[in-house]
Amino acid sequence: MDATLRVCRLVEGYRAYTELLEALGHTVDRTAVAQYLADGTGKQQETEALLSRVSQGDPKGPRSAEAAGQVTAEVAGRMQELLQRLLEEIEGLAKGLEGKGKRHTGPAELARAVRACPAEEREHLGDAVLLNGHRQFLQARYITAEEFRRLLAQREDQGRLALVKLVPFLCQELAKRGLNLPEAEVRRFFDAAAEGVQVPSCLKRIMKGINGEFATGLIDLCELVGERDPDEWLEEARRKLQFRSHSSMHKAIAEATSLKYDCVHKALSGRKKAKRIQAEVKFCLDAWLQAVREGREPDVNEEHRGVPVEEMNALLPPLERKFGTKEKIYRLISARTGIKTGSVRRYFQSNGQLKHAPLAVYRCAAQLAVGPMPEQLRRSYLADNRVRRVAAELAEQANAAFLRWVATDDNAELEVAYKELRRALIVTIKEGREPVPVAV
């Protein structure tokens, strides 16, 4: 393959590839394409510069002698393979395109057919491209949270969905499309109070495939607690999930769902519980309890959780046997958690002032109680530059005074001078102080 043909194949292939993806509403990431094409050839910068000229419509630059020298047969071949894969995938998916049933003669005709098809079908094709290997060559697209919520309001369910079930599902679907987002961020897409939130455009298509499986609604309370007494079941759940109180548990449920705190609190509080509760409450508690059973931490804001200070106090005997004093224990925990020593001290006192301690403090204390003795690192006496300088000078003076003393017949004045210098050197090293000058 001569140089001119290589350039033509690369230019034509890239233009066709870009045109097809733009017909689907995407924008090509030129840098990602160049990196893929030139991988292992050492020609990434040259390839990207050439693709840039193609994108800018430079009619001369791509076919110049300089360009011909930059394009290897491997680069040109990869571009053609990439284009061919995209053509085959769109042909296979485009059942509703104009001219249904016939094979299109080339990329340009297929791009025209894509543009002519209904918006719904074009959106379906654009989303399908995200699910295969081409997503790495596309720039992410976003819509505003306001636009996303308008789409939710137009749904038959008006966007009233069980977020505790829906959000993990959406995270999985977004990950398939190359977007790995935490659940907290996805939950913000549904928060009317959140401002400045950018929502991935592909979420529009994902939401269209969601019907009744995530709908909210009322269920009998017995579906949550079974045949057990509701108060006993809820108290046991609270303890397993380590919520500081039932009110804290209700706040956490409200944060994880589309429900208001008052709604959750009213349904689960009081001697006479509601006979029917929102299904989201069950979905939420089931997910958290399942996480605990599997040895995982539930996805709950830790400000709602804690352990009774009595449990903290019970850790003191083994900790004292190991570390000697309470104050040493408090300082160790403070250093590891970033919580002030005074606060740590209060968490170990079951005097009625505090009822619960943060989980971070409890976990740290429990680990110290059963784990290996932490390595004790002592700070060097000579860690400070100033102390090293002063100590070196004093050491030199002390050595000189010692030599003068031993050179005489035990001169008492020289002996005192030497010992004073020696004492000053020790004080300087151990206390890090500059000594008062000693006359020699």
Protein backbone atom coordinates (compact mmCIF):
# COMPACT_ATOMS: atom_id res chain seq x y z
CA MET A 1 0.00 0.00 0.00
CA ASP A 2 1.66 3.30 -1.10
CA ALA A 3 1.74 6.40 1.12
CA THR A 4 -0.96 8.28 -0.79
CA LEU A 5 -3.40 5.37 -0.55
CA ARG A 6 -2.76 5.05 3.19
CA VAL A 7 -3.62 8.69 3.74
CA CYS A 8 -6.78 8.41 1.61
CA ARG A 9 -7.98 5.35 3.52
CA LEU A 10 -7.39 7.03 6.89
CA VAL A 11 -9.02 10.33 5.89
CA GLU A 12 -12.06 8.75 4.24
CA GLY A 13 -12.50 6.24 7.05
CA TYR A 14 -12.31 8.87 9.79
CA ARG A 15 -14.72 11.19 7.99
CA ALA A 16 -17.26 8.38 7.48
CA TYR A 17 -16.87 7.19 11.10
CA THR A 18 -17.39 10.72 12.42
CA GLU A 19 -20.39 11.36 10.13
CA LEU A 20 -22.15 8.18 11.26
CA LEU A 21 -21.69 8.88 14.96
CA GLU A 22 -22.74 12.51 14.57
CA ALA A 23 -25.91 11.30 12.83
CA LEU A 24 -26.63 9.39 16.05
CA GLY A 25 -26.12 12.56 18.11
CA HIS A 26 -22.62 11.77 19.38
CA THR A 27 -19.38 13.75 19.28
CA VAL A 28 -16.17 11.87 18.51
CA ASP A 29 -13.26 12.16 20.92
CA ARG A 30 -10.46 12.75 18.42
CA THR A 31 -7.67 12.14 20.96
CA ALA A 32 -9.11 8.75 21.95
CA VAL A 33 -9.41 7.69 18.31
CA ALA A 34 -5.83 8.77 17.55
CA GLN A 35 -4.53 6.92 20.60
CA TYR A 36 -6.30 3.74 19.47
CA LEU A 37 -5.15 3.99 15.85
CA ALA A 38 -1.51 4.75 16.69
CA ASP A 39 -1.14 2.43 19.68
CA GLY A 40 2.29 0.81 19.54
CA THR A 41 3.43 2.80 16.49
CA GLY A 42 4.79 5.89 18.24
CA LYS A 43 2.70 8.07 15.90
CA GLN A 44 -0.07 9.28 18.25
CA GLN A 45 0.73 13.02 18.09
CA GLU A 46 1.15 12.94 14.32
CA THR A 47 -2.07 10.94 13.88
CA GLU A 48 -4.07 13.29 16.10
CA ALA A 49 -2.71 16.34 14.25
CA LEU A 50 -3.77 14.78 10.95
CA LEU A 51 -7.27 13.95 12.25
CA SER A 52 -7.52 17.52 13.51
CA ARG A 53 -6.85 18.86 10.03
CA VAL A 54 -9.47 16.49 8.65
CA SER A 55 -12.01 17.73 11.22
CA GLN A 56 -11.25 21.35 10.29
CA GLY A 57 -11.93 20.58 6.63
CA ASP A 58 -8.37 21.18 5.43
CA PRO A 59 -8.50 19.95 1.81
CA LYS A 60 -4.74 20.10 1.22
CA GLY A 61 -3.08 19.23 4.51
CA PRO A 62 -4.25 15.58 4.80
CA ARG A 63 -2.90 14.75 1.37
CA SER A 64 0.46 16.50 1.73
CA ALA A 65 3.78 14.70 1.50
CA GLU A 66 4.28 15.31 5.22
CA ALA A 67 0.98 13.58 6.02
CA ALA A 68 1.90 10.62 3.82
CA GLY A 69 5.00 10.02 5.89
CA GLN A 70 3.02 10.07 9.13
CA VAL A 71 0.47 7.39 8.23
CA THR A 72 1.52 3.76 8.54
CA ALA A 73 -0.33 0.84 7.00
CA GLU A 74 -1.25 -0.31 10.52
CA VAL A 75 -2.89 3.02 11.38
CA ALA A 76 -4.86 3.15 8.13
CA GLY A 77 -5.95 -0.50 8.53
CA ARG A 78 -7.22 0.06 12.08
CA MET A 79 -9.33 3.00 10.92
CA GLN A 80 -10.98 0.89 8.26
CA GLU A 81 -11.64 -1.95 10.73
CA LEU A 82 -13.19 0.50 13.21
CA LEU A 83 -15.46 1.94 10.53
CA GLN A 84 -16.49 -1.51 9.29
CA ARG A 85 -17.47 -2.65 12.80
CA LEU A 86 -19.64 0.43 13.27
CA LEU A 87 -21.31 -0.08 9.88
CA GLU A 88 -22.17 -3.69 10.66
CA GLU A 89 -23.50 -2.87 14.12
CA ILE A 90 -25.75 -0.04 12.91
CA GLU A 91 -26.99 -2.13 9.96
CA GLY A 92 -27.90 -4.92 12.34
CA LEU A 93 -29.71 -2.63 14.75
CA ALA A 94 -31.45 -0.27 12.32
CA LYS A 95 -34.63 -2.25 11.78
CA GLY A 96 -36.79 0.84 11.54
CA LEU A 97 -34.66 2.80 9.11
CA GLU A 98 -35.93 4.09 5.80
CA GLY A 99 -35.56 1.31 3.23
CA LYS A 100 -36.11 -1.39 5.86
CA GLY A 101 -34.78 -4.77 4.84
CA LYS A 102 -32.19 -3.60 2.32
CA ARG A 103 -28.47 -3.29 2.88
CA HIS A 104 -27.14 0.21 2.43
CA THR A 105 -24.38 0.68 -0.10
CA GLY A 106 -22.05 2.76 2.06
CA PRO A 107 -21.49 4.93 5.11
CA ALA A 108 -22.88 8.10 3.53
CA GLU A 109 -26.17 6.42 2.58
CA LEU A 110 -26.46 4.81 6.02
CA ALA A 111 -25.81 8.17 7.73
CA ARG A 112 -28.59 9.77 5.64
CA ALA A 113 -30.95 6.94 6.58
CA VAL A 114 -30.11 7.38 10.29
CA ARG A 115 -30.87 11.09 10.13
CA ALA A 116 -34.18 10.40 8.39
CA CYS A 117 -35.43 7.84 10.90
CA PRO A 118 -37.73 8.83 13.82
CA ALA A 119 -36.09 10.47 16.83
CA GLU A 120 -37.06 7.57 19.09
CA GLU A 121 -35.31 5.06 16.83
CA ARG A 122 -32.27 7.30 16.44
CA GLU A 123 -32.02 7.64 20.22
CA HIS A 124 -32.22 3.86 20.54
CA LEU A 125 -29.35 3.43 18.06
CA GLY A 126 -27.28 6.10 19.79
CA ASP A 127 -27.68 4.34 23.13
CA ALA A 128 -26.81 0.96 21.59
CA VAL A 129 -23.50 2.40 20.39
CA LEU A 130 -22.64 3.28 24.00
CA LEU A 131 -23.03 -0.36 24.97
CA ASN A 132 -20.25 -1.60 22.71
CA GLY A 133 -16.59 -0.82 22.11
CA HIS A 134 -17.24 2.54 20.43
CA ARG A 135 -18.14 4.35 23.66
CA GLN A 136 -14.42 4.85 24.39
CA PHE A 137 -14.19 7.10 21.31
CA LEU A 138 -17.14 9.33 22.24
CA GLN A 139 -17.38 12.45 24.36
CA ALA A 140 -19.83 12.19 27.26
CA ARG A 141 -23.15 13.99 26.73
CA TYR A 142 -25.17 15.63 29.50
CA ILE A 143 -28.51 17.30 30.08
CA THR A 144 -29.45 19.56 32.97
CA ALA A 145 -31.16 18.18 36.06
CA GLU A 146 -34.12 20.45 35.29
CA GLU A 147 -34.57 18.86 31.87
CA PHE A 148 -34.28 15.39 33.39
CA ARG A 149 -36.94 16.17 36.00
CA ARG A 150 -39.27 17.54 33.33
CA LEU A 151 -38.98 14.19 31.58
CA LEU A 152 -39.76 12.43 34.86
CA ALA A 153 -42.87 14.58 35.35
CA GLN A 154 -44.14 13.50 31.92
CA ARG A 155 -44.02 9.82 32.86
CA GLU A 156 -47.21 8.00 33.73
CA ASP A 157 -45.90 7.49 37.29
CA GLN A 158 -44.77 11.18 37.35
CA GLY A 159 -41.35 10.08 38.55
CA ARG A 160 -42.61 8.58 41.80
CA LEU A 161 -40.17 5.69 41.95
CA ALA A 162 -38.58 3.58 44.67
CA LEU A 163 -35.13 5.17 44.58
CA VAL A 164 -33.64 2.66 46.98
CA LYS A 165 -34.17 -0.02 44.31
CA LEU A 166 -33.89 2.19 41.25
CA VAL A 167 -30.57 3.93 42.01
CA PRO A 168 -28.43 0.73 42.21
CA PHE A 169 -30.03 -0.42 38.95
CA LEU A 170 -29.21 2.90 37.25
CA CYS A 171 -25.62 2.72 38.50
CA GLN A 172 -25.26 -0.67 36.83
CA GLU A 173 -26.76 0.57 33.56
CA LEU A 174 -24.55 3.67 33.52
CA ALA A 175 -21.47 1.52 34.19
CA LYS A 176 -22.32 -0.55 31.09
CA ARG A 177 -22.09 2.71 29.16
CA GLY A 178 -18.71 3.63 30.62
CA LEU A 179 -19.97 5.91 33.42
CA ASN A 180 -19.04 4.73 36.92
CA LEU A 181 -20.96 6.98 39.29
CA PRO A 182 -21.53 6.53 43.05
CA GLU A 183 -25.10 5.97 44.23
CA ALA A 184 -25.13 9.27 46.13
CA GLU A 185 -24.45 11.19 42.91
CA VAL A 186 -27.15 9.35 40.95
CA ARG A 187 -29.63 9.95 43.77
CA ARG A 188 -29.01 13.71 43.40
CA PHE A 189 -30.44 13.57 39.87
CA PHE A 190 -33.86 13.08 41.47
CA ASP A 191 -33.41 15.74 44.17
CA ALA A 192 -35.42 18.84 43.31
CA ALA A 193 -33.25 20.89 45.69
CA ALA A 194 -29.97 19.96 43.97
CA GLU A 195 -28.59 22.75 41.78
CA GLY A 196 -26.06 22.73 38.95
CA VAL A 197 -26.30 18.96 38.47
CA GLN A 198 -25.35 17.52 35.06
CA VAL A 199 -27.21 14.31 34.18
CA PRO A 200 -25.79 11.84 31.61
CA SER A 201 -27.92 12.09 28.47
CA CYS A 202 -28.13 8.30 28.15
CA LEU A 203 -30.23 8.25 31.33
CA LYS A 204 -33.18 9.45 29.24
CA ARG A 205 -33.12 6.23 27.24
CA ILE A 206 -32.55 4.06 30.32
CA MET A 207 -35.55 5.60 32.08
CA LYS A 208 -37.78 4.89 29.06
CA GLY A 209 -37.16 1.18 29.60
CA ILE A 210 -38.37 1.36 33.20
CA ASN A 211 -42.03 0.62 33.77
CA GLY A 212 -43.69 -0.75 36.91
CA GLU A 213 -40.81 -2.67 38.45
CA PHE A 214 -39.64 0.33 40.49
CA ALA A 215 -43.01 1.86 41.26
CA THR A 216 -43.84 3.01 44.74
CA GLY A 217 -46.94 1.91 46.58
CA LEU A 218 -48.39 0.66 49.84
CA ILE A 219 -47.78 -2.81 51.24
CA ASP A 220 -48.99 -4.51 54.41
CA LEU A 221 -46.73 -4.00 57.41
CA CYS A 222 -46.52 -7.76 57.84
CA GLU A 223 -44.55 -7.96 54.56
CA LEU A 224 -41.78 -6.13 56.42
CA VAL A 225 -41.93 -7.72 59.88
CA GLY A 226 -43.55 -11.08 59.13
CA GLU A 227 -45.43 -12.54 62.09
CA ARG A 228 -43.23 -10.83 64.69
CA ASP A 229 -44.23 -7.95 66.90
CA PRO A 230 -43.46 -4.76 64.88
CA ASP A 231 -41.77 -3.04 67.83
CA GLU A 232 -39.48 -6.02 68.45
CA TRP A 233 -38.61 -6.40 64.76
CA LEU A 234 -37.83 -2.69 64.31
CA GLU A 235 -35.71 -2.56 67.49
CA GLU A 236 -33.74 -5.59 66.35
CA ALA A 237 -33.20 -4.00 62.93
CA ARG A 238 -32.07 -0.76 64.58
CA ARG A 239 -29.48 -2.60 66.68
CA LYS A 240 -28.18 -4.65 63.76
CA LEU A 241 -27.81 -1.51 61.64
CA GLN A 242 -26.31 0.39 64.61
CA PHE A 243 -28.61 3.41 64.37
CA ARG A 244 -28.37 5.74 67.37
CA SER A 245 -32.16 5.84 67.67
CA HIS A 246 -35.32 5.00 65.78
CA SER A 247 -35.57 8.63 64.76
CA SER A 248 -32.08 8.39 63.23
CA MET A 249 -33.14 5.28 61.34
CA HIS A 250 -36.21 7.09 60.00
CA LYS A 251 -34.07 10.03 58.84
CA ALA A 252 -31.72 7.64 57.02
CA ILE A 253 -34.66 5.93 55.29
CA ALA A 254 -36.01 9.31 54.17
CA GLU A 255 -32.59 10.27 52.76
CA ALA A 256 -32.32 7.01 50.82
CA THR A 257 -35.82 7.12 49.35
CA SER A 258 -38.30 9.54 47.83
CA LEU A 259 -40.20 9.65 51.13
CA LYS A 260 -40.37 12.52 53.62
CA TYR A 261 -39.11 11.99 57.16
CA ASP A 262 -42.56 12.75 58.64
CA CYS A 263 -44.09 10.04 56.45
CA VAL A 264 -41.55 7.41 57.58
CA HIS A 265 -41.64 8.48 61.23
CA LYS A 266 -45.43 8.41 61.39
CA ALA A 267 -45.63 4.96 59.79
CA LEU A 268 -43.05 3.32 62.06
CA SER A 269 -43.57 5.11 65.37
CA GLY A 270 -46.08 4.89 68.18
CA ARG A 271 -47.76 1.99 69.89
CA LYS A 272 -50.18 1.50 67.00
CA LYS A 273 -48.19 1.17 63.81
CA ALA A 274 -49.71 1.85 60.40
CA LYS A 275 -51.23 -1.28 58.90
CA ARG A 276 -49.80 -0.34 55.51
CA ILE A 277 -46.46 1.29 54.73
CA GLN A 278 -44.71 2.51 51.61
CA ALA A 279 -42.91 -0.32 49.81
CA GLU A 280 -39.74 1.81 49.71
CA VAL A 281 -39.35 1.41 53.47
CA LYS A 282 -39.15 -2.36 53.08
CA PHE A 283 -36.82 -2.13 50.05
CA CYS A 284 -34.49 0.14 52.03
CA LEU A 285 -34.33 -1.90 55.25
CA ASP A 286 -34.02 -5.17 53.33
CA ALA A 287 -31.03 -3.84 51.37
CA TRP A 288 -29.26 -2.59 54.51
CA LEU A 289 -29.85 -5.79 56.48
CA GLN A 290 -28.66 -7.86 53.53
CA ALA A 291 -25.42 -5.85 53.49
CA VAL A 292 -24.90 -6.54 57.22
CA ARG A 293 -25.53 -10.27 56.71
CA GLU A 294 -22.90 -10.30 53.97
CA GLY A 295 -20.36 -8.50 56.14
CA ARG A 296 -20.60 -5.20 54.24
CA GLU A 297 -21.29 -1.73 55.55
CA PRO A 298 -24.77 -0.49 54.57
CA ASP A 299 -24.87 2.64 52.40
CA VAL A 300 -25.92 4.93 55.26
CA ASN A 301 -24.65 8.31 56.40
CA GLU A 302 -22.64 7.53 59.54
CA GLU A 303 -23.93 10.59 61.36
CA HIS A 304 -27.10 8.54 62.00
CA ARG A 305 -25.20 5.56 63.44
CA GLY A 306 -23.23 4.85 66.60
CA VAL A 307 -22.64 2.41 69.44
CA PRO A 308 -23.75 2.78 73.06
CA VAL A 309 -21.02 4.25 75.27
CA GLU A 310 -21.40 1.15 77.47
CA GLU A 311 -19.90 -0.89 74.62
CA MET A 312 -17.05 1.59 74.37
CA ASN A 313 -16.47 1.38 78.12
CA ALA A 314 -16.33 -2.41 77.90
CA LEU A 315 -13.27 -2.10 75.63
CA LEU A 316 -11.25 -0.22 78.27
CA PRO A 317 -9.96 -3.21 80.34
CA PRO A 318 -8.22 -4.98 77.42
CA LEU A 319 -6.96 -1.64 76.09
CA GLU A 320 -5.49 -0.65 79.47
CA ARG A 321 -3.79 -4.02 79.83
CA LYS A 322 -2.22 -3.46 76.44
CA PHE A 323 -1.31 0.24 76.54
CA GLY A 324 -1.03 0.96 80.25
CA THR A 325 -2.96 4.22 80.68
CA LYS A 326 -6.29 5.60 79.48
CA GLU A 327 -4.73 8.83 78.28
CA LYS A 328 -2.38 6.93 76.00
CA ILE A 329 -5.38 5.08 74.55
CA TYR A 330 -7.28 8.32 73.97
CA ARG A 331 -4.28 9.92 72.22
CA LEU A 332 -3.81 6.90 69.97
CA ILE A 333 -7.47 6.90 68.90
CA SER A 334 -7.40 10.66 68.41
CA ALA A 335 -4.34 10.40 66.16
CA ARG A 336 -5.99 7.69 64.04
CA THR A 337 -9.46 9.21 63.71
CA GLY A 338 -8.76 12.94 63.77
CA ILE A 339 -11.24 13.40 66.65
CA LYS A 340 -10.06 15.53 69.55
CA THR A 341 -8.65 13.68 72.55
CA GLY A 342 -11.19 15.29 74.89
CA SER A 343 -14.09 14.02 72.76
CA VAL A 344 -12.60 10.52 72.62
CA ARG A 345 -12.34 10.53 76.42
CA ARG A 346 -16.07 11.35 76.75
CA TYR A 347 -17.05 8.46 74.48
CA PHE A 348 -15.59 6.01 77.02
CA GLN A 349 -17.50 7.43 79.99
CA SER A 350 -20.88 5.86 80.75
CA ASN A 351 -21.94 8.64 83.14
CA GLY A 352 -25.16 9.52 81.35
CA GLN A 353 -23.80 12.60 79.54
CA LEU A 354 -23.54 10.79 76.19
CA LYS A 355 -25.49 7.80 74.96
CA HIS A 356 -23.62 6.91 71.79
CA ALA A 357 -20.14 7.08 70.31
CA PRO A 358 -19.28 7.42 66.59
CA LEU A 359 -18.67 4.18 64.71
CA ALA A 360 -15.22 5.40 63.64
CA VAL A 361 -14.10 5.67 67.26
CA TYR A 362 -15.56 2.28 68.16
CA ARG A 363 -13.95 0.55 65.15
CA CYS A 364 -10.58 2.10 65.98
CA ALA A 365 -10.78 1.09 69.66
CA ALA A 366 -11.86 -2.46 68.80
CA GLN A 367 -9.00 -2.79 66.32
CA LEU A 368 -6.48 -1.56 68.87
CA ALA A 369 -7.84 -4.00 71.45
CA VAL A 370 -7.35 -7.10 69.28
CA GLY A 371 -4.71 -6.00 66.76
CA PRO A 372 -0.92 -6.07 67.08
CA MET A 373 0.85 -3.50 69.18
CA PRO A 374 1.34 -0.40 67.04
CA GLU A 375 4.93 0.38 66.22
CA GLN A 376 6.31 3.02 68.58
CA LEU A 377 8.40 5.57 66.73
CA ARG A 378 10.52 7.87 68.89
CA ARG A 379 11.49 11.26 67.60
CA SER A 380 15.24 11.66 67.26
CA TYR A 381 16.83 14.09 69.70
CA LEU A 382 18.69 15.59 66.73
CA ALA A 383 15.75 15.87 64.32
CA ASP A 384 15.86 19.68 64.38
CA ASN A 385 18.50 21.46 62.25
CA ARG A 386 19.00 24.20 64.85
CA VAL A 387 19.58 21.68 67.63
CA ARG A 388 22.08 19.76 65.48
CA ARG A 389 24.04 22.93 64.76
CA VAL A 390 24.20 24.01 68.41
CA ALA A 391 25.00 20.46 69.58
CA ALA A 392 27.88 20.19 67.11
CA GLU A 393 29.38 23.43 68.37
CA LEU A 394 29.02 22.39 72.01
CA ALA A 395 30.49 18.95 71.30
CA GLU A 396 33.54 20.58 69.69
CA GLN A 397 33.98 22.93 72.69
CA ALA A 398 33.50 20.07 75.19
CA ASN A 399 36.10 17.89 73.44
CA ALA A 400 38.58 20.76 73.47
CA ALA A 401 37.93 21.43 77.18
CA PHE A 402 38.39 17.71 77.94
CA LEU A 403 41.78 17.64 76.19
CA ARG A 404 42.93 20.72 78.10
CA TRP A 405 41.80 19.20 81.38
CA VAL A 406 43.51 15.82 80.92
CA ALA A 407 46.68 17.59 79.71
CA THR A 408 47.05 19.16 83.18
CA ASP A 409 47.32 17.62 86.59
CA ASP A 410 43.57 17.52 87.33
CA ASN A 411 43.11 21.29 87.18
CA ALA A 412 39.81 21.85 89.09
CA GLU A 413 38.73 24.88 87.05
CA LEU A 414 39.25 23.05 83.73
CA GLU A 415 37.34 20.05 85.09
CA VAL A 416 34.35 22.25 86.04
CA ALA A 417 34.44 23.97 82.62
CA TYR A 418 34.45 20.61 80.82
CA LYS A 419 31.57 19.20 82.90
CA GLU A 420 29.47 22.34 82.40
CA LEU A 421 29.93 22.09 78.65
CA ARG A 422 29.06 18.38 78.76
CA ARG A 423 25.90 19.11 80.77
CA ALA A 424 24.91 21.90 78.37
CA LEU A 425 25.36 19.49 75.42
CA ILE A 426 23.09 16.88 77.04
CA VAL A 427 20.41 19.45 77.81
CA THR A 428 20.56 20.79 74.25
CA ILE A 429 20.17 17.33 72.71
CA LYS A 430 17.44 15.99 75.02
CA GLU A 431 15.35 19.13 75.42
CA GLY A 432 16.03 20.81 72.09
CA ARG A 433 17.12 24.07 73.74
CA GLU A 434 19.87 26.47 72.87
CA PRO A 435 22.05 26.56 76.01
CA VAL A 436 23.31 29.58 77.80
CA PRO A 437 26.92 30.14 76.65
CA VAL A 438 29.46 28.70 79.05
CA ALA A 439 32.78 30.40 79.58
CA VAL A 440 35.76 28.17 78.92
